[in-house]
Protein backbone atom coordinates (compact mmCIF):
# COMPACT_ATOMS: atom_id res chain seq x y z
CA UNK A 1 34.62 176.38 245.04
CA UNK A 2 35.72 175.80 241.49
CA UNK A 3 34.42 173.25 239.01
CA UNK A 4 37.83 171.57 238.80
CA UNK A 5 38.02 170.84 242.54
CA UNK A 6 37.17 167.75 244.56
CA UNK A 7 34.98 169.91 246.77
CA UNK A 8 32.80 170.81 243.81
CA UNK A 9 32.54 167.16 242.66
CA UNK A 10 31.22 166.22 246.06
CA UNK A 11 28.93 169.30 246.08
CA UNK A 12 27.35 168.63 242.68
CA UNK A 13 26.78 164.93 243.46
CA UNK A 14 25.10 165.87 246.72
CA UNK A 15 22.87 168.52 245.12
CA UNK A 16 21.90 166.16 242.30
CA UNK A 17 20.73 163.52 244.82
CA UNK A 18 18.91 166.10 246.93
CA UNK A 19 17.37 167.71 243.84
CA UNK A 20 15.65 164.50 242.80
CA UNK A 21 14.62 163.12 246.21
CA UNK A 22 12.74 166.22 247.39
CA UNK A 23 9.24 167.03 246.15
CA UNK A 24 9.26 169.00 242.86
CA UNK A 25 7.81 172.16 244.44
CA UNK A 26 10.88 172.45 246.69
CA UNK A 27 13.52 171.88 244.03
CA UNK A 28 14.02 175.51 243.06
CA UNK A 29 14.41 176.41 246.73
CA UNK A 30 17.08 173.73 247.08
CA UNK A 31 18.93 174.97 244.01
CA UNK A 32 18.77 178.59 245.23
CA UNK A 33 20.12 177.60 248.63
CA UNK A 34 22.84 175.59 246.88
CA UNK A 35 23.70 178.56 244.66
CA UNK A 36 24.03 180.95 247.57
CA UNK A 37 26.12 178.45 249.55
CA UNK A 38 28.34 177.97 246.46
CA UNK A 39 28.91 181.77 246.24
CA UNK A 40 29.40 182.27 249.95
CA UNK A 41 31.91 179.46 250.02
CA UNK A 42 34.16 181.45 247.68
CA UNK A 43 33.93 184.67 249.70
CA UNK A 44 31.08 185.57 252.09
CA UNK A 45 31.33 189.24 251.22
CA UNK A 46 30.26 188.65 247.62
CA UNK A 47 26.79 187.56 248.56
CA UNK A 48 25.66 191.04 249.61
CA UNK A 49 26.23 192.44 246.16
CA UNK A 50 24.41 189.56 244.55
CA UNK A 51 21.43 189.97 246.90
CA UNK A 52 21.32 193.72 246.24
CA UNK A 53 21.34 193.30 242.46
CA UNK A 54 18.73 190.54 242.62
CA UNK A 55 16.33 192.30 244.99
CA UNK A 56 16.44 195.67 243.26
CA UNK A 57 15.89 194.26 239.80
CA UNK A 58 13.10 191.99 241.02
CA UNK A 59 11.19 194.92 242.64
CA UNK A 60 11.79 197.37 239.77
CA UNK A 61 10.56 194.91 237.18
CA UNK A 62 7.30 194.35 239.04
CA UNK A 63 6.78 198.10 239.59
CA UNK A 64 7.63 198.82 235.97
CA UNK A 65 5.18 196.27 234.70
CA UNK A 66 2.32 197.68 236.83
CA UNK A 67 3.06 201.39 236.37
CA UNK A 68 1.73 203.70 233.68
CA UNK A 69 3.35 203.76 230.25
CA UNK A 70 4.94 207.19 230.89
CA UNK A 71 6.73 206.00 234.04
CA UNK A 72 7.96 202.68 232.71
CA UNK A 73 10.98 204.27 231.09
CA UNK A 74 11.88 205.96 234.38
CA UNK A 75 11.91 202.62 236.21
CA UNK A 76 13.95 201.01 233.41
CA UNK A 77 16.56 203.78 233.57
CA UNK A 78 16.70 203.49 237.35
CA UNK A 79 17.11 199.76 237.22
CA UNK A 80 19.90 199.99 234.64
CA UNK A 81 21.68 202.71 236.62
CA UNK A 82 21.58 200.61 239.76
CA UNK A 83 22.70 197.32 238.15
CA UNK A 84 25.36 198.78 235.84
CA UNK A 85 26.23 201.44 238.44
CA UNK A 86 27.11 198.72 240.95
CA UNK A 87 29.30 197.02 238.33
CA UNK A 88 30.93 200.34 237.40
CA UNK A 89 31.65 201.35 241.00
CA UNK A 90 33.24 198.08 241.99
CA UNK A 91 35.13 197.33 238.81
CA UNK A 92 35.97 200.67 237.17
CA UNK A 93 36.02 203.41 239.84
CA UNK A 94 39.61 202.62 240.85
CA UNK A 95 40.70 202.56 237.20
CA UNK A 96 39.00 205.94 236.62
CA UNK A 97 40.68 207.35 239.72
CA UNK A 98 44.13 206.16 238.61
CA UNK A 99 43.61 207.57 235.10
CA UNK A 100 42.64 210.98 236.47
CA UNK A 101 45.62 210.87 238.88
CA UNK A 102 47.92 210.16 235.96
CA UNK A 103 46.74 213.39 234.31
CA UNK A 104 46.98 215.35 237.57
CA UNK A 105 50.57 214.16 238.14
CA UNK A 106 51.62 215.63 234.77
CA UNK A 107 50.10 218.96 235.90
CA UNK A 108 51.84 218.72 239.30
CA UNK A 109 48.48 218.65 241.04
CA UNK A 110 47.46 216.55 244.12
CA UNK A 111 46.51 212.99 243.21
CA UNK A 112 43.19 211.35 243.92
CA UNK A 113 43.22 208.73 246.67
CA UNK A 114 43.50 205.07 245.66
CA UNK A 115 40.16 203.27 245.81
CA UNK A 116 40.53 199.60 246.67
CA UNK A 117 37.14 197.94 246.45
CA UNK A 118 36.52 194.24 246.28
CA UNK A 119 35.40 192.95 242.87
CA UNK A 120 33.03 189.99 243.33
CA UNK A 121 33.61 187.08 240.95
CA UNK A 122 30.85 186.94 238.38
CA UNK A 123 29.52 190.48 238.86
CA UNK A 124 30.05 191.31 235.15
CA UNK A 125 27.90 188.33 234.26
CA UNK A 126 24.96 188.71 236.71
CA UNK A 127 24.85 192.49 236.21
CA UNK A 128 24.25 191.85 232.52
CA UNK A 129 21.73 189.16 233.28
CA UNK A 130 19.52 191.43 235.37
CA UNK A 131 19.96 194.39 232.97
CA UNK A 132 18.86 192.26 230.03
CA UNK A 133 15.89 190.99 232.08
CA UNK A 134 14.75 194.54 232.90
CA UNK A 135 14.97 195.61 229.24
CA UNK A 136 12.95 192.53 228.18
CA UNK A 137 10.25 193.31 230.81
CA UNK A 138 10.17 196.95 229.65
CA UNK A 139 9.72 195.86 226.03
CA UNK A 140 7.04 193.34 227.18
CA UNK A 141 9.01 190.43 225.81
CA UNK A 142 8.71 188.76 229.17
CA UNK A 143 6.38 189.34 232.13
CA UNK A 144 7.91 190.39 235.40
CA UNK A 145 8.62 187.32 237.51
CA UNK A 146 6.52 187.36 240.73
CA UNK A 147 8.07 184.34 242.43
CA UNK A 148 11.20 185.66 244.08
CA UNK A 149 12.78 182.23 244.54
CA UNK A 150 12.50 181.50 240.83
CA UNK A 151 13.87 184.91 239.91
CA UNK A 152 16.70 184.76 242.40
CA UNK A 153 17.63 181.31 241.00
CA UNK A 154 17.63 182.75 237.48
CA UNK A 155 20.18 185.39 238.57
CA UNK A 156 22.33 183.13 240.75
CA UNK A 157 22.11 179.59 239.37
CA UNK A 158 25.52 178.29 240.44
CA UNK A 159 26.69 176.57 237.21
CA UNK A 160 26.51 179.86 235.30
CA UNK A 161 27.03 182.34 238.14
CA UNK A 162 30.77 182.83 237.94
CA UNK A 163 31.47 182.97 234.17
CA UNK A 164 28.17 182.62 232.40
CA UNK A 165 26.72 181.90 229.93
CA UNK A 166 24.72 185.11 230.31
CA UNK A 167 21.22 183.59 230.27
CA UNK A 168 17.85 185.00 229.22
CA UNK A 169 14.67 184.89 231.31
CA UNK A 170 12.80 183.42 228.28
CA UNK A 171 14.99 180.30 228.53
CA UNK A 172 15.55 179.71 232.21
CA UNK A 173 12.42 180.96 234.01
CA UNK A 174 10.24 178.73 231.80
CA UNK A 175 12.30 175.70 232.84
CA UNK A 176 12.04 176.58 236.54
CA UNK A 177 8.24 176.50 236.27
CA UNK A 178 8.19 172.96 234.88
CA UNK A 179 8.23 169.74 236.93
CA UNK A 180 11.65 168.22 236.40
CA UNK A 181 11.63 164.44 236.61
CA UNK A 182 14.68 162.22 236.85
CA UNK A 183 15.84 161.24 233.33
CA UNK A 184 18.78 158.91 232.71
CA UNK A 185 19.55 160.78 229.48
CA UNK A 186 20.22 163.93 231.48
CA UNK A 187 22.56 162.01 233.76
CA UNK A 188 24.43 160.57 230.74
CA UNK A 189 24.68 163.82 228.83
CA UNK A 190 25.50 165.88 231.87
CA UNK A 191 28.27 163.54 233.09
CA UNK A 192 30.00 163.35 229.72
CA UNK A 193 29.78 167.08 229.15
CA UNK A 194 31.17 167.88 232.58
CA UNK A 195 34.03 165.38 232.33
CA UNK A 196 34.83 166.59 228.81
CA UNK A 197 35.14 170.13 230.15
CA UNK A 198 37.28 168.93 233.06
CA UNK A 199 39.54 167.08 230.57
CA UNK A 200 40.01 170.19 228.49
CA UNK A 201 40.69 172.38 231.49
CA UNK A 202 43.13 170.20 233.44
CA UNK A 203 44.99 168.53 230.65
CA UNK A 204 44.99 171.11 227.81
CA UNK A 205 44.29 174.59 229.16
CA UNK A 206 46.44 174.30 232.30
CA UNK A 207 49.36 172.80 230.32
CA UNK A 208 49.14 175.66 227.84
CA UNK A 209 49.00 178.15 230.71
CA UNK A 210 52.43 176.91 231.96
CA UNK A 211 53.95 177.48 228.53
CA UNK A 212 52.34 180.91 228.08
CA UNK A 213 53.04 182.18 231.62
CA UNK A 214 56.63 181.01 231.53
CA UNK A 215 57.33 182.70 228.18
CA UNK A 216 55.54 185.99 228.99
CA UNK A 217 57.29 186.26 232.34
CA UNK A 218 60.76 186.21 230.80
CA UNK A 219 60.37 187.69 227.31
CA UNK A 220 63.96 189.03 227.20
CA UNK A 221 65.31 185.53 227.49
CA UNK A 222 63.11 183.98 224.78
CA UNK A 223 63.69 183.61 221.06
CA UNK A 224 61.29 184.91 218.46
CA UNK A 225 59.99 181.42 217.78
CA UNK A 226 59.32 180.99 221.52
CA UNK A 227 57.24 184.11 221.57
CA UNK A 228 55.28 183.14 218.48
CA UNK A 229 54.52 179.72 219.99
CA UNK A 230 53.38 181.42 223.17
CA UNK A 231 51.04 183.72 221.20
CA UNK A 232 49.47 180.76 219.44
CA UNK A 233 49.37 178.80 222.70
CA UNK A 234 47.46 181.61 224.43
CA UNK A 235 44.90 181.71 221.60
CA UNK A 236 44.27 178.04 222.27
CA UNK A 237 44.47 178.40 226.08
CA UNK A 238 41.84 181.08 226.36
CA UNK A 239 39.43 179.13 224.15
CA UNK A 240 39.98 175.77 225.81
CA UNK A 241 39.88 177.28 229.32
CA UNK A 242 36.62 179.23 228.79
CA UNK A 243 34.92 176.59 226.71
CA UNK A 244 35.87 174.02 229.34
CA UNK A 245 34.14 176.15 231.99
CA UNK A 246 31.06 176.43 229.73
CA UNK A 247 31.07 172.64 229.18
CA UNK A 248 31.18 172.00 232.90
CA UNK A 249 28.48 174.60 233.52
CA UNK A 250 26.20 173.04 230.87
CA UNK A 251 26.96 169.56 232.19
CA UNK A 252 26.22 170.57 235.81
CA UNK A 253 22.92 172.09 234.79
CA UNK A 254 21.99 169.07 232.68
CA UNK A 255 22.61 166.75 235.69
CA UNK A 256 19.96 168.79 237.50
CA UNK A 257 17.49 168.51 234.56
CA UNK A 258 18.11 172.03 233.20
CA UNK A 259 19.43 173.28 229.83
CA UNK A 260 21.53 176.39 229.61
CA UNK A 261 22.64 177.88 226.32
CA UNK A 262 25.73 176.95 224.31
CA UNK A 263 28.50 179.50 224.49
CA UNK A 264 30.87 178.31 221.79
CA UNK A 265 30.54 176.84 218.31
CA UNK A 266 34.09 175.87 217.23
CA UNK A 267 35.12 179.52 216.74
CA UNK A 268 38.63 178.70 215.44
CA UNK A 269 37.06 176.89 212.48
CA UNK A 270 35.67 180.26 211.34
CA UNK A 271 36.64 181.61 207.94
CA UNK A 272 36.16 185.28 208.90
CA UNK A 273 36.36 187.51 211.90
CA UNK A 274 32.66 188.15 211.60
CA UNK A 275 31.94 184.44 211.75
CA UNK A 276 34.36 184.09 214.66
CA UNK A 277 32.33 186.55 216.73
CA UNK A 278 29.18 184.64 215.99
CA UNK A 279 30.72 181.52 217.45
CA UNK A 280 32.79 182.97 220.34
CA UNK A 281 31.21 183.69 223.74
CA UNK A 282 27.79 183.54 222.08
CA UNK A 283 25.82 184.68 225.12
CA UNK A 284 27.87 187.89 225.46
CA UNK A 285 27.93 188.60 221.70
CA UNK A 286 24.15 188.16 221.45
CA UNK A 287 23.66 190.33 224.57
CA UNK A 288 25.58 193.19 223.04
CA UNK A 289 23.76 192.76 219.76
CA UNK A 290 20.29 192.81 221.32
CA UNK A 291 20.80 195.37 224.09
CA UNK A 292 23.39 197.77 222.65
CA UNK A 293 24.07 197.37 218.91
CA UNK A 294 20.42 197.27 217.76
CA UNK A 295 19.27 200.15 220.07
CA UNK A 296 22.14 202.24 218.66
CA UNK A 297 20.72 201.69 215.20
CA UNK A 298 22.46 198.46 214.27
CA UNK A 299 23.01 198.16 210.52
CA UNK A 300 19.80 199.95 209.62
CA UNK A 301 21.45 203.33 209.33
CA UNK A 302 24.12 205.14 207.33
CA UNK A 303 27.45 203.45 206.72
CA UNK A 304 29.23 205.97 208.92
CA UNK A 305 26.80 205.45 211.77
CA UNK A 306 27.07 201.69 211.37
CA UNK A 307 30.85 201.96 211.64
CA UNK A 308 30.51 204.02 214.81
CA UNK A 309 27.97 201.55 216.25
CA UNK A 310 30.29 198.62 215.66
CA UNK A 311 33.30 200.38 217.25
CA UNK A 312 31.20 201.48 220.26
CA UNK A 313 29.99 197.93 220.86
CA UNK A 314 33.45 196.43 220.69
CA UNK A 315 34.98 199.18 222.80
CA UNK A 316 32.35 198.55 225.49
CA UNK A 317 32.94 194.80 225.13
CA UNK A 318 36.64 195.36 225.73
CA UNK A 319 36.01 197.40 228.85
CA UNK A 320 33.45 194.86 230.06
CA UNK A 321 36.29 192.34 230.25
CA UNK A 322 38.45 194.60 232.42
CA UNK A 323 39.30 198.16 233.47
CA UNK A 324 42.43 198.48 231.38
CA UNK A 325 43.64 200.27 228.28
CA UNK A 326 44.76 196.91 226.87
CA UNK A 327 41.18 195.53 226.98
CA UNK A 328 39.92 198.70 225.28
CA UNK A 329 42.51 198.35 222.51
CA UNK A 330 41.64 194.66 222.12
CA UNK A 331 38.01 195.54 221.67
CA UNK A 332 38.60 198.40 219.25
CA UNK A 333 40.96 196.34 217.05
CA UNK A 334 38.33 193.62 216.74
CA UNK A 335 35.76 196.30 215.89
CA UNK A 336 38.13 197.61 213.22
CA UNK A 337 38.47 194.11 211.78
CA UNK A 338 34.69 193.89 211.40
CA UNK A 339 34.42 197.34 209.89
CA UNK A 340 37.08 196.63 207.31
CA UNK A 341 35.52 193.27 206.58
CA UNK A 342 32.08 194.82 206.01
CA UNK A 343 33.39 197.65 203.87
CA UNK A 344 35.58 195.39 201.76
CA UNK A 345 32.95 192.65 201.36
CA UNK A 346 31.86 193.82 197.88
CA UNK A 347 35.47 193.93 196.71
CA UNK A 348 36.17 190.41 198.04
CA UNK A 349 33.02 189.18 196.28
CA UNK A 350 34.11 190.62 192.94
CA UNK A 351 37.58 189.17 193.26
CA UNK A 352 36.14 185.79 194.18
CA UNK A 353 33.73 185.88 191.22
CA UNK A 354 36.51 186.93 188.86
CA UNK A 355 38.72 184.07 189.98
CA UNK A 356 35.73 181.75 189.98
CA UNK A 357 36.35 180.65 193.57
CA UNK A 358 33.43 178.86 195.19
CA UNK A 359 32.59 179.38 198.88
CA UNK A 360 32.87 175.66 199.44
CA UNK A 361 36.45 175.45 198.07
CA UNK A 362 38.45 173.77 200.84
CA UNK A 363 41.79 175.51 199.99
CA UNK A 364 40.01 178.89 200.02
CA UNK A 365 38.41 178.13 203.40
CA UNK A 366 41.72 176.97 204.92
CA UNK A 367 43.47 180.15 203.74
CA UNK A 368 40.66 182.35 205.12
CA UNK A 369 40.60 180.40 208.35
CA UNK A 370 44.36 180.70 208.80
CA UNK A 371 44.25 184.45 208.21
CA UNK A 372 41.34 184.79 210.66
CA UNK A 373 43.24 182.81 213.33
CA UNK A 374 46.33 184.98 212.92
CA UNK A 375 44.32 188.23 213.13
CA UNK A 376 42.52 187.06 216.28
CA UNK A 377 45.72 185.76 217.86
CA UNK A 378 47.37 189.19 217.47
CA UNK A 379 44.52 190.81 219.38
CA UNK A 380 44.82 188.26 222.20
CA UNK A 381 48.26 189.77 222.89
CA UNK A 382 46.56 192.89 224.33
CA UNK A 383 44.04 190.72 226.11
CA UNK A 384 46.74 188.72 227.87
CA UNK A 385 49.31 191.47 228.54
CA UNK A 386 49.62 192.90 232.03
CA UNK A 387 49.61 196.42 230.65
CA UNK A 388 50.29 198.36 227.47
CA UNK A 389 54.06 198.32 227.95
CA UNK A 390 53.96 194.54 228.36
CA UNK A 391 51.95 194.21 225.12
CA UNK A 392 54.44 196.32 223.21
CA UNK A 393 57.28 194.20 224.62
CA UNK A 394 55.57 191.03 223.38
CA UNK A 395 55.37 192.47 219.87
CA UNK A 396 59.00 193.64 220.01
CA UNK A 397 60.12 190.23 221.23
CA UNK A 398 59.01 188.66 217.97
CA UNK A 399 61.82 190.63 216.25
CA UNK A 400 64.45 191.02 218.96
CA UNK A 401 65.90 187.53 218.95
CA UNK A 402 65.31 185.87 215.63
CA UNK A 403 66.82 182.51 216.53
CA UNK A 404 64.95 179.64 214.91
CA UNK A 405 66.35 177.05 217.32
CA UNK A 406 64.06 175.94 220.10
CA UNK A 407 64.45 173.77 223.17
CA UNK A 408 61.97 172.15 225.53
CA UNK A 409 63.53 174.09 228.44
CA UNK A 410 62.70 177.37 226.76
CA UNK A 411 59.10 176.25 226.32
CA UNK A 412 58.73 175.83 230.12
CA UNK A 413 57.30 172.31 229.60
CA UNK A 414 58.99 168.92 229.59
CA UNK A 415 58.84 166.37 226.81
CA UNK A 416 56.29 164.13 228.56
CA UNK A 417 53.81 166.97 229.09
CA UNK A 418 54.41 168.29 225.61
CA UNK A 419 53.46 164.92 224.08
CA UNK A 420 50.38 164.73 226.29
CA UNK A 421 49.45 168.30 225.30
CA UNK A 422 49.80 167.67 221.53
CA UNK A 423 47.90 164.37 221.62
CA UNK A 424 45.12 165.99 223.76
CA UNK A 425 44.74 168.92 221.38
CA UNK A 426 44.40 166.52 218.42
CA UNK A 427 41.75 164.53 220.36
CA UNK A 428 39.91 167.80 221.10
CA UNK A 429 39.92 168.82 217.45
CA UNK A 430 38.62 165.42 216.31
CA UNK A 431 35.88 165.53 218.96
CA UNK A 432 34.93 169.04 217.93
CA UNK A 433 34.52 167.99 214.32
CA UNK A 434 32.54 164.87 215.19
CA UNK A 435 30.32 166.89 217.54
CA UNK A 436 29.62 169.53 214.92
CA UNK A 437 28.56 166.82 212.47
CA UNK A 438 26.32 165.22 215.18
CA UNK A 439 28.02 161.88 214.80
CA UNK A 440 29.33 161.62 218.37
CA UNK A 441 26.30 162.92 220.29
CA UNK A 442 23.98 160.55 218.39
CA UNK A 443 26.35 157.61 219.04
CA UNK A 444 26.62 158.30 222.76
CA UNK A 445 22.88 158.93 223.22
CA UNK A 446 22.05 155.53 221.66
CA UNK A 447 24.66 153.43 223.44
CA UNK A 448 24.70 153.30 227.24
CA UNK A 449 27.77 151.10 227.43
CA UNK A 450 29.75 153.48 225.24
CA UNK A 451 28.66 156.31 227.56
CA UNK A 452 30.04 154.48 230.61
CA UNK A 453 33.29 153.65 228.79
CA UNK A 454 33.71 157.30 227.66
CA UNK A 455 33.18 158.58 231.23
CA UNK A 456 35.63 155.98 232.57
CA UNK A 457 38.30 156.92 230.04
CA UNK A 458 37.90 160.64 230.70
CA UNK A 459 38.23 160.11 234.47
CA UNK A 460 41.40 157.98 234.02
CA UNK A 461 42.89 160.56 231.65
CA UNK A 462 42.20 163.42 234.07
CA UNK A 463 43.74 161.50 236.98
CA UNK A 464 46.85 160.41 235.02
CA UNK A 465 47.54 163.52 232.92
CA UNK A 466 45.82 166.45 234.69
CA UNK A 467 47.84 169.35 236.14
CA UNK A 468 48.17 169.17 239.90
CA UNK A 469 50.82 169.89 242.52
CA UNK A 470 52.30 172.89 244.28
CA UNK A 471 51.22 176.22 242.95
CA UNK A 472 48.16 174.83 241.16
CA UNK A 473 45.13 177.08 241.72
CA UNK A 474 41.72 175.46 240.98
CA UNK A 475 40.20 178.95 240.81
CA UNK A 476 42.53 179.92 238.00
CA UNK A 477 40.01 180.15 235.17
CA UNK A 478 40.79 182.95 232.72
CA UNK A 479 37.31 184.46 232.81
CA UNK A 480 37.01 184.46 236.59
CA UNK A 481 38.75 187.87 236.70
CA UNK A 482 36.04 189.40 234.52
């Protein structure tokens, strides 16, 4: 059951009604049952892994809180081993086996057997959720949750279960304890946020996907300009696709009277790679900062150690996304960007002072923003490529056929859809700017008629211009495979 399916629309409407007509003390139970049904609907096998991770972390947190100070670390380590161990086994054991077999084949030794395990959707997200929770309980930032229903809902709340955001107990468990009354403002904000995400997914992201997939599937037939357009298109696609999911997740939760964290803050308006990573996938970035980067020593150490810490964090981040060399390279390159940026920061500052360039200079910000976008787009090549050979071919294709001519046929998209795509992207950019400046949210919150009109227009646009038809997969969100 995906957010961009009719089944989910019916599901969320039904759960909203049920959520507000039952007595408050039963609402968490209803939401937990809905979350498990939601997950089982996708694949019944997945629920066993979710239950295991939830139950083990729930018990260990309680034991850890009650045990002596000396044994608390033992329980924490055990909890992390079990939660991350489950993730590693299902997601990375086959990759490790294939890598070892590759070495053995070069030595003419017997190969390891292929390990084909199912990889439950969302396991990377809920594994990090329970791991972060255990660390917070160990550090006494949060008490161990005694109510199993509330805790299980924290781990499996369906809007964020499949692709985050990766929530914290300090935000969600507190909300589950409160009595949630029906509020028309939640209905307004939740509806608009969900429909806006659906608009971005079905009209922009899925149109871009056709362009990108068509180009990358036949690189030898494409001109250099085609490949460059596809590279830029994928940078937009992955942002729009993932931010659309986050919008729909936040909107769904808001309809139920709950607030989950923002995951994006206009990352492509960033003027540096460092700023980009503060605004992109905020829940994951903050998770790595709090639970890996700072424990490694963060920036309060020697420059050499700080460089190493940064590279470790981004290497792990790359592998978190997938068991592939390309993801590892993607992570390491982004880490190198940050390292170079930090080391060169004093030089940049001196040059800027010498040239008397102010930080608020618009031309300066545009140049920096363009360079940042190009650097990030180049790393997305590794993120999108099927394997390392495919990534190398994409880079080569930029130089193989240097024709500047371009046709709609070569873009794998017709003129009508191209116009819809361009107009929709412009609309999205305008909305992003207005939202950042708080103009649009304030206007919608204070005008009920405008809210209704906005929802109506979004629905009409989705029906008229959304991607449908044969071959369309509603489960085809980029981050579902992570």
